[in-house]
Full PDB file with SEQRES, HELIX, SHEET, SSBOND, CRYST1, ORIGX, SCALE, CONECT and MASTER records, all heavy atoms in Angstrom:
SEQRES   1 A   30  THR ASP GLY MET ASP LEU PHE VAL SER ILE ALA GLU ASP          
SEQRES   2 A   30  ASN GLY HIS VAL ARG LEU ILE ALA ARG LEU ASP ASN LEU          
SEQRES   3 A   30  GLY LYS GLY ALA                                              
SHEET    1 AA1 2 MET A   4  ALA A  11  0                                        
SHEET    2 AA1 2 HIS A  16  LEU A  23 -1                                        
CRYST1    1.000    1.000    1.000  90.00  90.00  90.00 P 1           1          
ORIGX1      1.000000  0.000000  0.000000        0.00000                         
ORIGX2      0.000000  1.000000  0.000000        0.00000                         
ORIGX3      0.000000  0.000000  1.000000        0.00000                         
SCALE1      1.000000  0.000000  0.000000        0.00000                         
SCALE2      0.000000  1.000000  0.000000        0.00000                         
SCALE3      0.000000  0.000000  1.000000        0.00000                         
ATOM      1  N   THR A   1      16.728  73.648  20.474  1.00  0.00           N  
ATOM      2  CA  THR A   1      17.824  73.570  21.432  1.00  0.00           C  
ATOM      3  C   THR A   1      19.093  73.154  20.705  1.00  0.00           C  
ATOM      4  O   THR A   1      19.042  72.392  19.738  1.00  0.00           O  
ATOM      5  CB  THR A   1      17.524  72.570  22.568  1.00  0.00           C  
ATOM      6  OG1 THR A   1      18.671  72.477  23.429  1.00  0.00           O  
ATOM      7  CG2 THR A   1      17.230  71.180  22.032  1.00  0.00           C  
ATOM      8  N   ASP A   2      20.215  73.651  21.162  1.00  0.00           N  
ATOM      9  CA  ASP A   2      21.499  73.312  20.547  1.00  0.00           C  
ATOM     10  C   ASP A   2      22.332  72.398  21.434  1.00  0.00           C  
ATOM     11  O   ASP A   2      23.502  72.134  21.140  1.00  0.00           O  
ATOM     12  CB  ASP A   2      22.285  74.593  20.237  1.00  0.00           C  
ATOM     13  CG  ASP A   2      21.592  75.433  19.181  1.00  0.00           C  
ATOM     14  OD1 ASP A   2      21.111  74.847  18.194  1.00  0.00           O  
ATOM     15  OD2 ASP A   2      21.513  76.666  19.339  1.00  0.00           O  
ATOM     16  N   GLY A   3      21.750  71.915  22.515  1.00  0.00           N  
ATOM     17  CA  GLY A   3      22.454  70.997  23.392  1.00  0.00           C  
ATOM     18  C   GLY A   3      22.197  69.544  23.022  1.00  0.00           C  
ATOM     19  O   GLY A   3      21.398  69.224  22.134  1.00  0.00           O  
ATOM     20  N   MET A   4      22.876  68.646  23.712  1.00  0.00           N  
ATOM     21  CA  MET A   4      22.688  67.212  23.520  1.00  0.00           C  
ATOM     22  C   MET A   4      22.812  66.523  24.867  1.00  0.00           C  
ATOM     23  O   MET A   4      23.734  66.804  25.634  1.00  0.00           O  
ATOM     24  CB  MET A   4      23.724  66.643  22.537  1.00  0.00           C  
ATOM     25  CG  MET A   4      23.650  65.124  22.358  1.00  0.00           C  
ATOM     26  SD  MET A   4      24.576  64.525  20.925  1.00  0.00           S  
ATOM     27  CE  MET A   4      26.224  65.167  21.249  1.00  0.00           C  
ATOM     28  N   ASP A   5      21.869  65.625  25.156  1.00  0.00           N  
ATOM     29  CA  ASP A   5      21.867  64.856  26.395  1.00  0.00           C  
ATOM     30  C   ASP A   5      22.228  63.409  26.100  1.00  0.00           C  
ATOM     31  O   ASP A   5      21.708  62.814  25.143  1.00  0.00           O  
ATOM     32  CB  ASP A   5      20.483  64.898  27.057  1.00  0.00           C  
ATOM     33  CG  ASP A   5      20.069  66.295  27.462  1.00  0.00           C  
ATOM     34  OD1 ASP A   5      20.961  67.092  27.809  1.00  0.00           O  
ATOM     35  OD2 ASP A   5      18.856  66.590  27.434  1.00  0.00           O  
ATOM     36  N   LEU A   6      23.086  62.841  26.932  1.00  0.00           N  
ATOM     37  CA  LEU A   6      23.507  61.451  26.787  1.00  0.00           C  
ATOM     38  C   LEU A   6      23.071  60.649  28.007  1.00  0.00           C  
ATOM     39  O   LEU A   6      23.176  61.133  29.139  1.00  0.00           O  
ATOM     40  CB  LEU A   6      25.029  61.351  26.625  1.00  0.00           C  
ATOM     41  CG  LEU A   6      25.667  62.179  25.507  1.00  0.00           C  
ATOM     42  CD1 LEU A   6      27.171  61.928  25.466  1.00  0.00           C  
ATOM     43  CD2 LEU A   6      25.038  61.877  24.147  1.00  0.00           C  
ATOM     44  N   PHE A   7      22.596  59.419  27.764  1.00  0.00           N  
ATOM     45  CA  PHE A   7      22.124  58.545  28.830  1.00  0.00           C  
ATOM     46  C   PHE A   7      22.759  57.167  28.675  1.00  0.00           C  
ATOM     47  O   PHE A   7      23.011  56.707  27.551  1.00  0.00           O  
ATOM     48  CB  PHE A   7      20.608  58.378  28.770  1.00  0.00           C  
ATOM     49  CG  PHE A   7      19.824  59.661  28.834  1.00  0.00           C  
ATOM     50  CD1 PHE A   7      19.514  60.362  27.668  1.00  0.00           C  
ATOM     51  CD2 PHE A   7      19.389  60.172  30.044  1.00  0.00           C  
ATOM     52  CE1 PHE A   7      18.788  61.544  27.716  1.00  0.00           C  
ATOM     53  CE2 PHE A   7      18.667  61.356  30.102  1.00  0.00           C  
ATOM     54  CZ  PHE A   7      18.368  62.044  28.938  1.00  0.00           C  
ATOM     55  N   VAL A   8      22.994  56.505  29.807  1.00  0.00           N  
ATOM     56  CA  VAL A   8      23.466  55.118  29.816  1.00  0.00           C  
ATOM     57  C   VAL A   8      22.507  54.320  30.679  1.00  0.00           C  
ATOM     58  O   VAL A   8      22.419  54.514  31.893  1.00  0.00           O  
ATOM     59  CB  VAL A   8      24.898  55.000  30.378  1.00  0.00           C  
ATOM     60  CG1 VAL A   8      25.330  53.534  30.395  1.00  0.00           C  
ATOM     61  CG2 VAL A   8      25.871  55.841  29.556  1.00  0.00           C  
ATOM     62  N   SER A   9      21.749  53.427  30.034  1.00  0.00           N  
ATOM     63  CA  SER A   9      20.787  52.578  30.733  1.00  0.00           C  
ATOM     64  C   SER A   9      21.354  51.165  30.826  1.00  0.00           C  
ATOM     65  O   SER A   9      21.659  50.552  29.800  1.00  0.00           O  
ATOM     66  CB  SER A   9      19.451  52.571  29.984  1.00  0.00           C  
ATOM     67  OG  SER A   9      18.564  51.637  30.550  1.00  0.00           O  
ATOM     68  N   ILE A  10      21.497  50.664  32.049  1.00  0.00           N  
ATOM     69  CA  ILE A  10      22.152  49.359  32.277  1.00  0.00           C  
ATOM     70  C   ILE A  10      21.184  48.415  32.986  1.00  0.00           C  
ATOM     71  O   ILE A  10      20.580  48.782  33.999  1.00  0.00           O  
ATOM     72  CB  ILE A  10      23.425  49.526  33.131  1.00  0.00           C  
ATOM     73  CG1 ILE A  10      24.421  50.460  32.434  1.00  0.00           C  
ATOM     74  CG2 ILE A  10      24.078  48.171  33.399  1.00  0.00           C  
ATOM     75  CD1 ILE A  10      25.627  50.806  33.285  1.00  0.00           C  
ATOM     76  N   ALA A  11      21.056  47.203  32.448  1.00  0.00           N  
ATOM     77  CA  ALA A  11      20.334  46.130  33.133  1.00  0.00           C  
ATOM     78  C   ALA A  11      21.386  45.210  33.749  1.00  0.00           C  
ATOM     79  O   ALA A  11      22.017  44.422  33.049  1.00  0.00           O  
ATOM     80  CB  ALA A  11      19.448  45.364  32.155  1.00  0.00           C  
ATOM     81  N   GLU A  12      21.601  45.337  35.039  1.00  0.00           N  
ATOM     82  CA  GLU A  12      22.689  44.616  35.699  1.00  0.00           C  
ATOM     83  C   GLU A  12      22.514  43.104  35.647  1.00  0.00           C  
ATOM     84  O   GLU A  12      23.491  42.348  35.677  1.00  0.00           O  
ATOM     85  CB  GLU A  12      22.795  45.063  37.166  1.00  0.00           C  
ATOM     86  CG  GLU A  12      23.111  46.543  37.360  1.00  0.00           C  
ATOM     87  CD  GLU A  12      24.547  46.903  36.988  1.00  0.00           C  
ATOM     88  OE1 GLU A  12      25.313  45.992  36.632  1.00  0.00           O  
ATOM     89  OE2 GLU A  12      24.866  48.102  37.047  1.00  0.00           O  
ATOM     90  N   ASP A  13      21.261  42.634  35.543  1.00  0.00           N  
ATOM     91  CA  ASP A  13      21.025  41.199  35.643  1.00  0.00           C  
ATOM     92  C   ASP A  13      21.339  40.433  34.370  1.00  0.00           C  
ATOM     93  O   ASP A  13      21.657  39.241  34.415  1.00  0.00           O  
ATOM     94  CB  ASP A  13      19.568  40.924  36.059  1.00  0.00           C  
ATOM     95  CG  ASP A  13      18.576  41.544  35.091  1.00  0.00           C  
ATOM     96  OD1 ASP A  13      18.959  42.496  34.386  1.00  0.00           O  
ATOM     97  OD2 ASP A  13      17.421  41.074  35.045  1.00  0.00           O  
ATOM     98  N   ASN A  14      21.261  41.088  33.192  1.00  0.00           N  
ATOM     99  CA  ASN A  14      21.482  40.341  31.948  1.00  0.00           C  
ATOM    100  C   ASN A  14      22.509  40.967  31.018  1.00  0.00           C  
ATOM    101  O   ASN A  14      22.669  40.523  29.875  1.00  0.00           O  
ATOM    102  CB  ASN A  14      20.157  40.160  31.210  1.00  0.00           C  
ATOM    103  CG  ASN A  14      19.515  41.478  30.813  1.00  0.00           C  
ATOM    104  OD1 ASN A  14      20.140  42.538  30.899  1.00  0.00           O  
ATOM    105  ND2 ASN A  14      18.264  41.422  30.372  1.00  0.00           N  
ATOM    106  N   GLY A  15      23.207  41.997  31.459  1.00  0.00           N  
ATOM    107  CA  GLY A  15      24.269  42.588  30.654  1.00  0.00           C  
ATOM    108  C   GLY A  15      23.796  43.451  29.505  1.00  0.00           C  
ATOM    109  O   GLY A  15      24.586  43.814  28.633  1.00  0.00           O  
ATOM    110  N   HIS A  16      22.515  43.790  29.479  1.00  0.00           N  
ATOM    111  CA  HIS A  16      22.014  44.645  28.414  1.00  0.00           C  
ATOM    112  C   HIS A  16      22.266  46.118  28.749  1.00  0.00           C  
ATOM    113  O   HIS A  16      22.070  46.549  29.881  1.00  0.00           O  
ATOM    114  CB  HIS A  16      20.516  44.416  28.209  1.00  0.00           C  
ATOM    115  CG  HIS A  16      20.201  43.094  27.601  1.00  0.00           C  
ATOM    116  ND1 HIS A  16      18.912  42.691  27.308  1.00  0.00           N  
ATOM    117  CD2 HIS A  16      21.000  42.062  27.235  1.00  0.00           C  
ATOM    118  CE1 HIS A  16      18.934  41.478  26.785  1.00  0.00           C  
ATOM    119  NE2 HIS A  16      20.189  41.076  26.728  1.00  0.00           N  
ATOM    120  N   VAL A  17      22.696  46.865  27.737  1.00  0.00           N  
ATOM    121  CA  VAL A  17      22.978  48.293  27.887  1.00  0.00           C  
ATOM    122  C   VAL A  17      22.342  49.026  26.713  1.00  0.00           C  
ATOM    123  O   VAL A  17      22.380  48.545  25.575  1.00  0.00           O  
ATOM    124  CB  VAL A  17      24.494  48.577  27.921  1.00  0.00           C  
ATOM    125  CG1 VAL A  17      24.765  50.076  27.985  1.00  0.00           C  
ATOM    126  CG2 VAL A  17      25.157  47.860  29.080  1.00  0.00           C  
ATOM    127  N   ARG A  18      21.767  50.186  26.985  1.00  0.00           N  
ATOM    128  CA  ARG A  18      21.306  51.073  25.923  1.00  0.00           C  
ATOM    129  C   ARG A  18      21.998  52.425  26.087  1.00  0.00           C  
ATOM    130  O   ARG A  18      21.879  53.061  27.134  1.00  0.00           O  
ATOM    131  CB  ARG A  18      19.787  51.240  25.957  1.00  0.00           C  
ATOM    132  CG  ARG A  18      19.035  49.982  25.562  1.00  0.00           C  
ATOM    133  CD  ARG A  18      17.544  50.129  25.760  1.00  0.00           C  
ATOM    134  NE  ARG A  18      16.965  51.136  24.876  1.00  0.00           N  
ATOM    135  CZ  ARG A  18      15.670  51.487  24.893  1.00  0.00           C  
ATOM    136  NH1 ARG A  18      14.854  50.926  25.769  1.00  0.00           N  
ATOM    137  NH2 ARG A  18      15.224  52.404  24.060  1.00  0.00           N  
ATOM    138  N   LEU A  19      22.742  52.816  25.064  1.00  0.00           N  
ATOM    139  CA  LEU A  19      23.362  54.129  25.004  1.00  0.00           C  
ATOM    140  C   LEU A  19      22.433  55.028  24.205  1.00  0.00           C  
ATOM    141  O   LEU A  19      22.095  54.723  23.059  1.00  0.00           O  
ATOM    142  CB  LEU A  19      24.728  54.058  24.322  1.00  0.00           C  
ATOM    143  CG  LEU A  19      25.721  53.029  24.876  1.00  0.00           C  
ATOM    144  CD1 LEU A  19      26.961  52.976  23.988  1.00  0.00           C  
ATOM    145  CD2 LEU A  19      26.095  53.357  26.303  1.00  0.00           C  
ATOM    146  N   ILE A  20      22.019  56.139  24.795  1.00  0.00           N  
ATOM    147  CA  ILE A  20      20.979  56.963  24.174  1.00  0.00           C  
ATOM    148  C   ILE A  20      21.421  58.423  24.128  1.00  0.00           C  
ATOM    149  O   ILE A  20      21.914  58.964  25.122  1.00  0.00           O  
ATOM    150  CB  ILE A  20      19.648  56.844  24.949  1.00  0.00           C  
ATOM    151  CG1 ILE A  20      19.192  55.375  24.994  1.00  0.00           C  
ATOM    152  CG2 ILE A  20      18.568  57.715  24.307  1.00  0.00           C  
ATOM    153  CD1 ILE A  20      18.001  55.132  25.890  1.00  0.00           C  
ATOM    154  N   ALA A  21      21.239  59.021  22.966  1.00  0.00           N  
ATOM    155  CA  ALA A  21      21.483  60.463  22.797  1.00  0.00           C  
ATOM    156  C   ALA A  21      20.180  61.137  22.400  1.00  0.00           C  
ATOM    157  O   ALA A  21      19.446  60.635  21.539  1.00  0.00           O  
ATOM    158  CB  ALA A  21      22.544  60.712  21.736  1.00  0.00           C  
ATOM    159  N   ARG A  22      19.902  62.270  23.029  1.00  0.00           N  
ATOM    160  CA  ARG A  22      18.737  63.083  22.663  1.00  0.00           C  
ATOM    161  C   ARG A  22      19.247  64.456  22.236  1.00  0.00           C  
ATOM    162  O   ARG A  22      19.982  65.114  22.975  1.00  0.00           O  
ATOM    163  CB  ARG A  22      17.779  63.219  23.846  1.00  0.00           C  
ATOM    164  CG  ARG A  22      16.558  64.103  23.552  1.00  0.00           C  
ATOM    165  CD  ARG A  22      15.623  64.150  24.746  1.00  0.00           C  
ATOM    166  NE  ARG A  22      16.309  64.681  25.933  1.00  0.00           N  
ATOM    167  CZ  ARG A  22      15.856  64.549  27.179  1.00  0.00           C  
ATOM    168  NH1 ARG A  22      14.751  63.872  27.411  1.00  0.00           N  
ATOM    169  NH2 ARG A  22      16.528  65.066  28.189  1.00  0.00           N  
ATOM    170  N   LEU A  23      18.863  64.871  21.050  1.00  0.00           N  
ATOM    171  CA  LEU A  23      19.313  66.156  20.520  1.00  0.00           C  
ATOM    172  C   LEU A  23      18.272  66.701  19.565  1.00  0.00           C  
ATOM    173  O   LEU A  23      17.286  66.030  19.241  1.00  0.00           O  
ATOM    174  CB  LEU A  23      20.674  66.024  19.826  1.00  0.00           C  
ATOM    175  CG  LEU A  23      20.745  65.123  18.586  1.00  0.00           C  
ATOM    176  CD1 LEU A  23      21.871  65.614  17.654  1.00  0.00           C  
ATOM    177  CD2 LEU A  23      21.031  63.664  18.966  1.00  0.00           C  
ATOM    178  N   ASP A  24      18.491  67.897  19.114  1.00  0.00           N  
ATOM    179  CA  ASP A  24      17.653  68.546  18.113  1.00  0.00           C  
ATOM    180  C   ASP A  24      18.355  68.370  16.772  1.00  0.00           C  
ATOM    181  O   ASP A  24      19.480  68.834  16.584  1.00  0.00           O  
ATOM    182  CB  ASP A  24      17.499  70.026  18.468  1.00  0.00           C  
ATOM    183  CG  ASP A  24      16.564  70.780  17.530  1.00  0.00           C  
ATOM    184  OD1 ASP A  24      16.271  70.281  16.430  1.00  0.00           O  
ATOM    185  OD2 ASP A  24      16.144  71.898  17.898  1.00  0.00           O  
ATOM    186  N   ASN A  25      17.690  67.713  15.829  1.00  0.00           N  
ATOM    187  CA  ASN A  25      18.322  67.483  14.529  1.00  0.00           C  
ATOM    188  C   ASN A  25      18.650  68.789  13.806  1.00  0.00           C  
ATOM    189  O   ASN A  25      19.539  68.829  12.955  1.00  0.00           O  
ATOM    190  CB  ASN A  25      17.436  66.614  13.640  1.00  0.00           C  
ATOM    191  CG  ASN A  25      16.067  67.207  13.399  1.00  0.00           C  
ATOM    192  OD1 ASN A  25      15.232  67.238  14.311  1.00  0.00           O  
ATOM    193  ND2 ASN A  25      15.827  67.681  12.191  1.00  0.00           N  
ATOM    194  N   LEU A  26      17.949  69.876  14.141  1.00  0.00           N  
ATOM    195  CA  LEU A  26      18.253  71.182  13.558  1.00  0.00           C  
ATOM    196  C   LEU A  26      19.201  72.004  14.433  1.00  0.00           C  
ATOM    197  O   LEU A  26      19.635  73.080  14.030  1.00  0.00           O  
ATOM    198  CB  LEU A  26      16.962  71.979  13.334  1.00  0.00           C  
ATOM    199  CG  LEU A  26      15.990  71.407  12.300  1.00  0.00           C  
ATOM    200  CD1 LEU A  26      14.743  72.273  12.212  1.00  0.00           C  
ATOM    201  CD2 LEU A  26      16.647  71.291  10.936  1.00  0.00           C  
ATOM    202  N   GLY A  27      19.490  71.509  15.644  1.00  0.00           N  
ATOM    203  CA  GLY A  27      20.360  72.217  16.577  1.00  0.00           C  
ATOM    204  C   GLY A  27      21.768  71.662  16.517  1.00  0.00           C  
ATOM    205  O   GLY A  27      22.524  71.931  15.578  1.00  0.00           O  
ATOM    206  N   LYS A  28      22.144  70.875  17.538  1.00  0.00           N  
ATOM    207  CA  LYS A  28      23.464  70.238  17.526  1.00  0.00           C  
ATOM    208  C   LYS A  28      23.630  69.340  16.309  1.00  0.00           C  
ATOM    209  O   LYS A  28      24.742  69.062  15.870  1.00  0.00           O  
ATOM    210  CB  LYS A  28      23.655  69.439  18.825  1.00  0.00           C  
ATOM    211  CG  LYS A  28      25.001  68.724  18.960  1.00  0.00           C  
ATOM    212  CD  LYS A  28      26.180  69.667  18.951  1.00  0.00           C  
ATOM    213  CE  LYS A  28      27.477  68.916  19.323  1.00  0.00           C  
ATOM    214  NZ  LYS A  28      28.691  69.721  19.032  1.00  0.00           N  
ATOM    215  N   GLY A  29      22.490  68.922  15.729  1.00  0.00           N  
ATOM    216  CA  GLY A  29      22.543  68.088  14.534  1.00  0.00           C  
ATOM    217  C   GLY A  29      22.711  68.844  13.239  1.00  0.00           C  
ATOM    218  O   GLY A  29      22.854  68.223  12.185  1.00  0.00           O  
ATOM    219  N   ALA A  30      22.711  70.179  13.272  1.00  0.00           N  
ATOM    220  CA  ALA A  30      22.835  70.941  12.019  1.00  0.00           C  
ATOM    221  C   ALA A  30      23.247  72.383  12.296  1.00  0.00           C  
ATOM    222  O   ALA A  30      24.428  72.699  12.413  1.00  0.00           O  
ATOM    223  CB  ALA A  30      21.532  70.884  11.218  1.00  0.00           C  
TER     224      ALA A  30                                                      
MASTER        0    0    0    0    2    0    0    6  223    1    0    3          
END                                                                             
């Protein structure tokens, strides 16, 4: 795949956030 998906995971109670990207290292990555 040549696309890329972005996610924002938020824990409202403790201020923790995870920014996550999922892609194909041979696709959008190369």
